[in-house]
Each structure stands twice: as C-alpha cells, then as structure tokens.
Amino acid sequence: MATPLKTSKKTVELNPSARPSRIRRDPVPVQQVAAETERKLNWRTSEREIWIALIGIVAFALAIDIIAVAIATYWN
C-alpha cells in the first residue's frame, strides 16, 4: 500500500484575532423583498412580438417540410 507524500509546507497556526468575526445582521424587511419580486414579475411582451414569434415558428416549420418533401421527391 502506498504512503502519502510528505509536503514541505507547514500548517499555519491562526490566532483567535486573525479569524473573521461573526457579526449578525438584521434580516431584510418583508416589504423590500416583496417589492423586488413584484418588480421582477412585471415583464410583459407586446402583442406584436408574440405575432412575430409565431410567424417565425410557422415559417421555420414550413421550411423543414419543404426540405423533407424535396428530399423525398429527389430519391424517388
């Protein structure tokens, strides 16, 4: 069985003053959290963007159908 290699570095001995202090903080007020989530949820798309997206999806589907029909007729 292999033995672990010895490292040349020594461990650092920390004094209690070198450790970070644990300061407790006040919790975030509930109204502030509710206001932030409400602001994040207020995202609306315009009707024009929805129609453009639908037209793009339909055009892409038609292009794939046309390519599939073209390949099928070429091999026949």
PDB file of N, CA and C in Angstrom:
ATOM      1  N   MET A   1       0.840  -1.168   0.000  1.00  0.00           N
ATOM      2  CA  MET A   1       0.000   0.000   0.000  1.00  0.00           C
ATOM      3  C   MET A   1       0.886   1.232   0.000  1.00  0.00           C
ATOM      4  N   ALA A   2       0.520   2.226  -0.771  1.00  0.00           N
ATOM      5  CA  ALA A   2       1.325   3.441  -0.895  1.00  0.00           C
ATOM      6  C   ALA A   2       1.110   4.352   0.300  1.00  0.00           C
ATOM      7  N   THR A   3       2.160   5.042   0.690  1.00  0.00           N
ATOM      8  CA  THR A   3       2.063   6.010   1.781  1.00  0.00           C
ATOM      9  C   THR A   3       1.952   7.408   1.184  1.00  0.00           C
ATOM     10  N   PRO A   4       1.214   8.300   1.812  1.00  0.00           N
ATOM     11  CA  PRO A   4       1.084   9.649   1.264  1.00  0.00           C
ATOM     12  C   PRO A   4       2.414  10.388   1.307  1.00  0.00           C
ATOM     13  N   LEU A   5       2.628  11.227   0.299  1.00  0.00           N
ATOM     14  CA  LEU A   5       3.858  12.010   0.232  1.00  0.00           C
ATOM     15  C   LEU A   5       3.841  13.102   1.286  1.00  0.00           C
ATOM     16  N   LYS A   6       5.017  13.392   1.825  1.00  0.00           N
ATOM     17  CA  LYS A   6       5.128  14.458   2.812  1.00  0.00           C
ATOM     18  C   LYS A   6       5.277  15.779   2.085  1.00  0.00           C
ATOM     19  N   THR A   7       4.529  16.772   2.515  1.00  0.00           N
ATOM     20  CA  THR A   7       4.637  18.094   1.904  1.00  0.00           C
ATOM     21  C   THR A   7       5.617  18.931   2.699  1.00  0.00           C
ATOM     22  N   SER A   8       6.261  19.845   2.015  1.00  0.00           N
ATOM     23  CA  SER A   8       7.248  20.671   2.694  1.00  0.00           C
ATOM     24  C   SER A   8       6.601  21.873   3.379  1.00  0.00           C
ATOM     25  N   LYS A   9       5.334  22.157   3.054  1.00  0.00           N
ATOM     26  CA  LYS A   9       4.669  23.301   3.666  1.00  0.00           C
ATOM     27  C   LYS A   9       4.143  22.928   5.047  1.00  0.00           C
ATOM     28  N   LYS A  10       4.269  23.879   5.972  1.00  0.00           N
ATOM     29  CA  LYS A  10       3.752  23.681   7.315  1.00  0.00           C
ATOM     30  C   LYS A  10       2.365  24.310   7.418  1.00  0.00           C
ATOM     31  N   THR A  11       1.568  23.800   8.321  1.00  0.00           N
ATOM     32  CA  THR A  11       0.250  24.384   8.521  1.00  0.00           C
ATOM     33  C   THR A  11       0.384  25.722   9.231  1.00  0.00           C
ATOM     34  N   VAL A  12      -0.515  26.615   8.921  1.00  0.00           N
ATOM     35  CA  VAL A  12      -0.490  27.953   9.510  1.00  0.00           C
ATOM     36  C   VAL A  12      -1.311  27.932  10.792  1.00  0.00           C
ATOM     37  N   GLU A  13      -0.706  28.395  11.852  1.00  0.00           N
ATOM     38  CA  GLU A  13      -1.406  28.481  13.123  1.00  0.00           C
ATOM     39  C   GLU A  13      -2.077  29.850  13.200  1.00  0.00           C
ATOM     40  N   LEU A  14      -3.398  29.871  13.256  1.00  0.00           N
ATOM     41  CA  LEU A  14      -4.127  31.130  13.317  1.00  0.00           C
ATOM     42  C   LEU A  14      -4.406  31.504  14.763  1.00  0.00           C
ATOM     43  N   ASN A  15      -4.188  32.777  15.053  1.00  0.00           N
ATOM     44  CA  ASN A  15      -4.548  33.312  16.360  1.00  0.00           C
ATOM     45  C   ASN A  15      -6.045  33.597  16.357  1.00  0.00           C
ATOM     46  N   PRO A  16      -6.660  33.602  17.523  1.00  0.00           N
ATOM     47  CA  PRO A  16      -8.099  33.917  17.545  1.00  0.00           C
ATOM     48  C   PRO A  16      -8.418  35.277  16.946  1.00  0.00           C
ATOM     49  N   SER A  17      -7.503  36.246  17.003  1.00  0.00           N
ATOM     50  CA  SER A  17      -7.767  37.571  16.446  1.00  0.00           C
ATOM     51  C   SER A  17      -7.722  37.549  14.917  1.00  0.00           C
ATOM     52  N   ALA A  18      -7.068  36.575  14.326  1.00  0.00           N
ATOM     53  CA  ALA A  18      -6.967  36.514  12.882  1.00  0.00           C
ATOM     54  C   ALA A  18      -8.213  35.910  12.239  1.00  0.00           C
ATOM     55  N   ARG A  19      -9.044  35.265  13.032  1.00  0.00           N
ATOM     56  CA  ARG A  19     -10.270  34.676  12.493  1.00  0.00           C
ATOM     57  C   ARG A  19     -11.307  35.772  12.258  1.00  0.00           C
ATOM     58  N   PRO A  20     -12.125  35.634  11.232  1.00  0.00           N
ATOM     59  CA  PRO A  20     -13.130  36.682  10.987  1.00  0.00           C
ATOM     60  C   PRO A  20     -14.213  36.658  12.062  1.00  0.00           C
ATOM     61  N   SER A  21     -14.719  37.830  12.365  1.00  0.00           N
ATOM     62  CA  SER A  21     -15.769  37.911  13.376  1.00  0.00           C
ATOM     63  C   SER A  21     -17.098  37.501  12.762  1.00  0.00           C
ATOM     64  N   ARG A  22     -17.977  37.033  13.592  1.00  0.00           N
ATOM     65  CA  ARG A  22     -19.297  36.615  13.127  1.00  0.00           C
ATOM     66  C   ARG A  22     -20.312  37.644  13.608  1.00  0.00           C
ATOM     67  N   ILE A  23     -20.522  38.643  12.779  1.00  0.00           N
ATOM     68  CA  ILE A  23     -21.462  39.708  13.131  1.00  0.00           C
ATOM     69  C   ILE A  23     -22.820  39.334  12.560  1.00  0.00           C
ATOM     70  N   ARG A  24     -23.809  39.335  13.409  1.00  0.00           N
ATOM     71  CA  ARG A  24     -25.158  39.041  12.937  1.00  0.00           C
ATOM     72  C   ARG A  24     -25.764  40.297  12.329  1.00  0.00           C
ATOM     73  N   ARG A  25     -26.494  40.094  11.245  1.00  0.00           N
ATOM     74  CA  ARG A  25     -27.131  41.218  10.575  1.00  0.00           C
ATOM     75  C   ARG A  25     -28.637  41.127  10.764  1.00  0.00           C
ATOM     76  N   ASP A  26     -29.276  42.288  10.652  1.00  0.00           N
ATOM     77  CA  ASP A  26     -30.736  42.311  10.726  1.00  0.00           C
ATOM     78  C   ASP A  26     -31.297  41.685   9.456  1.00  0.00           C
ATOM     79  N   PRO A  27     -32.396  40.947   9.557  1.00  0.00           N
ATOM     80  CA  PRO A  27     -32.987  40.364   8.359  1.00  0.00           C
ATOM     81  C   PRO A  27     -33.555  41.449   7.441  1.00  0.00           C
ATOM     82  N   VAL A  28     -33.648  41.125   6.173  1.00  0.00           N
ATOM     83  CA  VAL A  28     -34.193  42.064   5.200  1.00  0.00           C
ATOM     84  C   VAL A  28     -35.685  42.219   5.455  1.00  0.00           C
ATOM     85  N   PRO A  29     -36.200  43.449   5.442  1.00  0.00           N
ATOM     86  CA  PRO A  29     -37.634  43.638   5.675  1.00  0.00           C
ATOM     87  C   PRO A  29     -38.479  42.941   4.611  1.00  0.00           C
ATOM     88  N   VAL A  30     -39.635  42.453   5.021  1.00  0.00           N
ATOM     89  CA  VAL A  30     -40.502  41.691   4.123  1.00  0.00           C
ATOM     90  C   VAL A  30     -41.021  42.573   2.993  1.00  0.00           C
ATOM     91  N   GLN A  31     -41.306  43.851   3.280  1.00  0.00           N
ATOM     92  CA  GLN A  31     -41.824  44.735   2.233  1.00  0.00           C
ATOM     93  C   GLN A  31     -40.803  44.921   1.117  1.00  0.00           C
ATOM     94  N   GLN A  32     -39.534  45.010   1.459  1.00  0.00           N
ATOM     95  CA  GLN A  32     -38.497  45.198   0.450  1.00  0.00           C
ATOM     96  C   GLN A  32     -38.379  43.958  -0.429  1.00  0.00           C
ATOM     97  N   VAL A  33     -38.456  42.779   0.152  1.00  0.00           N
ATOM     98  CA  VAL A  33     -38.383  41.537  -0.615  1.00  0.00           C
ATOM     99  C   VAL A  33     -39.590  41.419  -1.526  1.00  0.00           C
ATOM    100  N   ALA A  34     -40.776  41.758  -1.017  1.00  0.00           N
ATOM    101  CA  ALA A  34     -41.987  41.684  -1.820  1.00  0.00           C
ATOM    102  C   ALA A  34     -41.927  42.676  -2.979  1.00  0.00           C
ATOM    103  N   ALA A  35     -41.387  43.863  -2.748  1.00  0.00           N
ATOM    104  CA  ALA A  35     -41.285  44.867  -3.808  1.00  0.00           C
ATOM    105  C   ALA A  35     -40.313  44.405  -4.895  1.00  0.00           C
ATOM    106  N   GLU A  36     -39.217  43.772  -4.518  1.00  0.00           N
ATOM    107  CA  GLU A  36     -38.250  43.293  -5.506  1.00  0.00           C
ATOM    108  C   GLU A  36     -38.827  42.170  -6.356  1.00  0.00           C
ATOM    109  N   THR A  37     -39.556  41.237  -5.742  1.00  0.00           N
ATOM    110  CA  THR A  37     -40.146  40.149  -6.518  1.00  0.00           C
ATOM    111  C   THR A  37     -41.263  40.668  -7.410  1.00  0.00           C
ATOM    112  N   GLU A  38     -42.009  41.654  -6.946  1.00  0.00           N
ATOM    113  CA  GLU A  38     -43.077  42.231  -7.769  1.00  0.00           C
ATOM    114  C   GLU A  38     -42.480  42.932  -8.986  1.00  0.00           C
ATOM    115  N   ARG A  39     -41.370  43.600  -8.799  1.00  0.00           N
ATOM    116  CA  ARG A  39     -40.726  44.294  -9.906  1.00  0.00           C
ATOM    117  C   ARG A  39     -40.186  43.294 -10.924  1.00  0.00           C
ATOM    118  N   LYS A  40     -39.674  42.170 -10.471  1.00  0.00           N
ATOM    119  CA  LYS A  40     -39.135  41.168 -11.375  1.00  0.00           C
ATOM    120  C   LYS A  40     -40.235  40.457 -12.161  1.00  0.00           C
ATOM    121  N   LEU A  41     -41.434  40.329 -11.582  1.00  0.00           N
ATOM    122  CA  LEU A  41     -42.516  39.614 -12.237  1.00  0.00           C
ATOM    123  C   LEU A  41     -43.293  40.491 -13.211  1.00  0.00           C
ATOM    124  N   ASN A  42     -43.033  41.779 -13.268  1.00  0.00           N
ATOM    125  CA  ASN A  42     -43.749  42.678 -14.162  1.00  0.00           C
ATOM    126  C   ASN A  42     -43.098  42.727 -15.541  1.00  0.00           C
ATOM    127  N   TRP A  43     -43.043  41.624 -16.238  1.00  0.00           N
ATOM    128  CA  TRP A  43     -42.447  41.595 -17.564  1.00  0.00           C
ATOM    129  C   TRP A  43     -43.537  41.242 -18.548  1.00  0.00           C
ATOM    130  N   ARG A  44     -43.800  42.142 -19.475  1.00  0.00           N
ATOM    131  CA  ARG A  44     -44.883  41.935 -20.422  1.00  0.00           C
ATOM    132  C   ARG A  44     -44.331  41.966 -21.837  1.00  0.00           C
ATOM    133  N   THR A  45     -44.871  41.122 -22.684  1.00  0.00           N
ATOM    134  CA  THR A  45     -44.499  41.156 -24.092  1.00  0.00           C
ATOM    135  C   THR A  45     -45.615  41.849 -24.853  1.00  0.00           C
ATOM    136  N   SER A  46     -45.212  42.549 -25.875  1.00  0.00           N
ATOM    137  CA  SER A  46     -46.228  43.208 -26.669  1.00  0.00           C
ATOM    138  C   SER A  46     -46.871  42.197 -27.610  1.00  0.00           C
ATOM    139  N   GLU A  47     -48.040  42.536 -28.078  1.00  0.00           N
ATOM    140  CA  GLU A  47     -48.773  41.639 -28.963  1.00  0.00           C
ATOM    141  C   GLU A  47     -48.026  41.467 -30.286  1.00  0.00           C
ATOM    142  N   ARG A  48     -47.333  42.504 -30.693  1.00  0.00           N
ATOM    143  CA  ARG A  48     -46.574  42.449 -31.946  1.00  0.00           C
ATOM    144  C   ARG A  48     -45.443  41.425 -31.852  1.00  0.00           C
ATOM    145  N   GLU A  49     -44.744  41.391 -30.715  1.00  0.00           N
ATOM    146  CA  GLU A  49     -43.658  40.423 -30.543  1.00  0.00           C
ATOM    147  C   GLU A  49     -44.171  38.991 -30.570  1.00  0.00           C
ATOM    148  N   ILE A  50     -45.344  38.766 -30.004  1.00  0.00           N
ATOM    149  CA  ILE A  50     -45.920  37.419 -30.000  1.00  0.00           C
ATOM    150  C   ILE A  50     -46.240  36.987 -31.428  1.00  0.00           C
ATOM    151  N   TRP A  51     -46.833  37.898 -32.217  1.00  0.00           N
ATOM    152  CA  TRP A  51     -47.159  37.552 -33.609  1.00  0.00           C
ATOM    153  C   TRP A  51     -45.891  37.299 -34.430  1.00  0.00           C
ATOM    154  N   ILE A  52     -44.863  38.089 -34.217  1.00  0.00           N
ATOM    155  CA  ILE A  52     -43.598  37.883 -34.944  1.00  0.00           C
ATOM    156  C   ILE A  52     -43.001  36.528 -34.587  1.00  0.00           C
ATOM    157  N   ALA A  53     -43.063  36.150 -33.325  1.00  0.00           N
ATOM    158  CA  ALA A  53     -42.535  34.851 -32.909  1.00  0.00           C
ATOM    159  C   ALA A  53     -43.337  33.713 -33.536  1.00  0.00           C
ATOM    160  N   LEU A  54     -44.662  33.832 -33.550  1.00  0.00           N
ATOM    161  CA  LEU A  54     -45.490  32.793 -34.165  1.00  0.00           C
ATOM    162  C   LEU A  54     -45.220  32.677 -35.665  1.00  0.00           C
ATOM    163  N   ILE A  55     -45.071  33.793 -36.347  1.00  0.00           N
ATOM    164  CA  ILE A  55     -44.768  33.765 -37.779  1.00  0.00           C
ATOM    165  C   ILE A  55     -43.416  33.102 -38.016  1.00  0.00           C
ATOM    166  N   GLY A  56     -42.435  33.385 -37.172  1.00  0.00           N
ATOM    167  CA  GLY A  56     -41.118  32.760 -37.311  1.00  0.00           C
ATOM    168  C   GLY A  56     -41.166  31.262 -37.107  1.00  0.00           C
ATOM    169  N   ILE A  57     -41.932  30.809 -36.133  1.00  0.00           N
ATOM    170  CA  ILE A  57     -42.047  29.370 -35.867  1.00  0.00           C
ATOM    171  C   ILE A  57     -42.720  28.672 -37.040  1.00  0.00           C
ATOM    172  N   VAL A  58     -43.801  29.270 -37.551  1.00  0.00           N
ATOM    173  CA  VAL A  58     -44.517  28.659 -38.684  1.00  0.00           C
ATOM    174  C   VAL A  58     -43.640  28.650 -39.925  1.00  0.00           C
ATOM    175  N   ALA A  59     -42.895  29.723 -40.178  1.00  0.00           N
ATOM    176  CA  ALA A  59     -42.008  29.770 -41.346  1.00  0.00           C
ATOM    177  C   ALA A  59     -40.915  28.708 -41.242  1.00  0.00           C
ATOM    178  N   PHE A  60     -40.371  28.521 -40.062  1.00  0.00           N
ATOM    179  CA  PHE A  60     -39.335  27.509 -39.878  1.00  0.00           C
ATOM    180  C   PHE A  60     -39.901  26.110 -40.089  1.00  0.00           C
ATOM    181  N   ALA A  61     -41.109  25.858 -39.585  1.00  0.00           N
ATOM    182  CA  ALA A  61     -41.741  24.549 -39.771  1.00  0.00           C
ATOM    183  C   ALA A  61     -42.028  24.294 -41.252  1.00  0.00           C
ATOM    184  N   LEU A  62     -42.492  25.314 -41.971  1.00  0.00           N
ATOM    185  CA  LEU A  62     -42.746  25.160 -43.407  1.00  0.00           C
ATOM    186  C   LEU A  62     -41.451  24.894 -44.173  1.00  0.00           C
ATOM    187  N   ALA A  63     -40.385  25.554 -43.782  1.00  0.00           N
ATOM    188  CA  ALA A  63     -39.100  25.333 -44.456  1.00  0.00           C
ATOM    189  C   ALA A  63     -38.632  23.898 -44.254  1.00  0.00           C
ATOM    190  N   ILE A  64     -38.777  23.369 -43.065  1.00  0.00           N
ATOM    191  CA  ILE A  64     -38.381  21.982 -42.806  1.00  0.00           C
ATOM    192  C   ILE A  64     -39.253  21.029 -43.622  1.00  0.00           C
ATOM    193  N   ASP A  65     -40.575  21.314 -43.707  1.00  0.00           N
ATOM    194  CA  ASP A  65     -41.462  20.471 -44.513  1.00  0.00           C
ATOM    195  C   ASP A  65     -41.079  20.502 -45.988  1.00  0.00           C
ATOM    196  N   ILE A  66     -40.778  21.670 -46.507  1.00  0.00           N
ATOM    197  CA  ILE A  66     -40.397  21.792 -47.917  1.00  0.00           C
ATOM    198  C   ILE A  66     -39.109  21.024 -48.183  1.00  0.00           C
ATOM    199  N   ILE A  67     -38.151  21.113 -47.292  1.00  0.00           N
ATOM    200  CA  ILE A  67     -36.888  20.375 -47.466  1.00  0.00           C
ATOM    201  C   ILE A  67     -37.138  18.875 -47.418  1.00  0.00           C
ATOM    202  N   ALA A  68     -37.999  18.428 -46.509  1.00  0.00           N
ATOM    203  CA  ALA A  68     -38.295  16.987 -46.412  1.00  0.00           C
ATOM    204  C   ALA A  68     -38.987  16.487 -47.671  1.00  0.00           C
ATOM    205  N   VAL A  69     -39.927  17.258 -48.220  1.00  0.00           N
ATOM    206  CA  VAL A  69     -40.623  16.857 -49.452  1.00  0.00           C
ATOM    207  C   VAL A  69     -39.654  16.859 -50.633  1.00  0.00           C
ATOM    208  N   ALA A  70     -38.761  17.842 -50.678  1.00  0.00           N
ATOM    209  CA  ALA A  70     -37.786  17.906 -51.770  1.00  0.00           C
ATOM    210  C   ALA A  70     -36.841  16.706 -51.737  1.00  0.00           C
ATOM    211  N   ILE A  71     -36.405  16.324 -50.578  1.00  0.00           N
ATOM    212  CA  ILE A  71     -35.510  15.149 -50.459  1.00  0.00           C
ATOM    213  C   ILE A  71     -36.266  13.886 -50.844  1.00  0.00           C
ATOM    214  N   ALA A  72     -37.526  13.768 -50.436  1.00  0.00           N
ATOM    215  CA  ALA A  72     -38.312  12.573 -50.747  1.00  0.00           C
ATOM    216  C   ALA A  72     -38.571  12.449 -52.244  1.00  0.00           C
ATOM    217  N   THR A  73     -38.845  13.566 -52.911  1.00  0.00           N
ATOM    218  CA  THR A  73     -39.077  13.508 -54.361  1.00  0.00           C
ATOM    219  C   THR A  73     -37.780  13.286 -55.132  1.00  0.00           C
ATOM    220  N   TYR A  74     -36.689  13.733 -54.609  1.00  0.00           N
ATOM    221  CA  TYR A  74     -35.397  13.528 -55.289  1.00  0.00           C
ATOM    222  C   TYR A  74     -35.008  12.063 -55.286  1.00  0.00           C
ATOM    223  N   TRP A  75     -35.287  11.347 -54.189  1.00  0.00           N
ATOM    224  CA  TRP A  75     -34.899   9.946 -54.091  1.00  0.00           C
ATOM    225  C   TRP A  75     -35.872   9.005 -54.802  1.00  0.00           C
ATOM    226  N   ASN A  76     -37.030   9.468 -55.210  1.00  0.00           N
ATOM    227  CA  ASN A  76     -37.992   8.613 -55.918  1.00  0.00           C
ATOM    228  C   ASN A  76     -37.737   8.570 -57.366  1.00  0.00           C
TER     229      ASN A  76
END
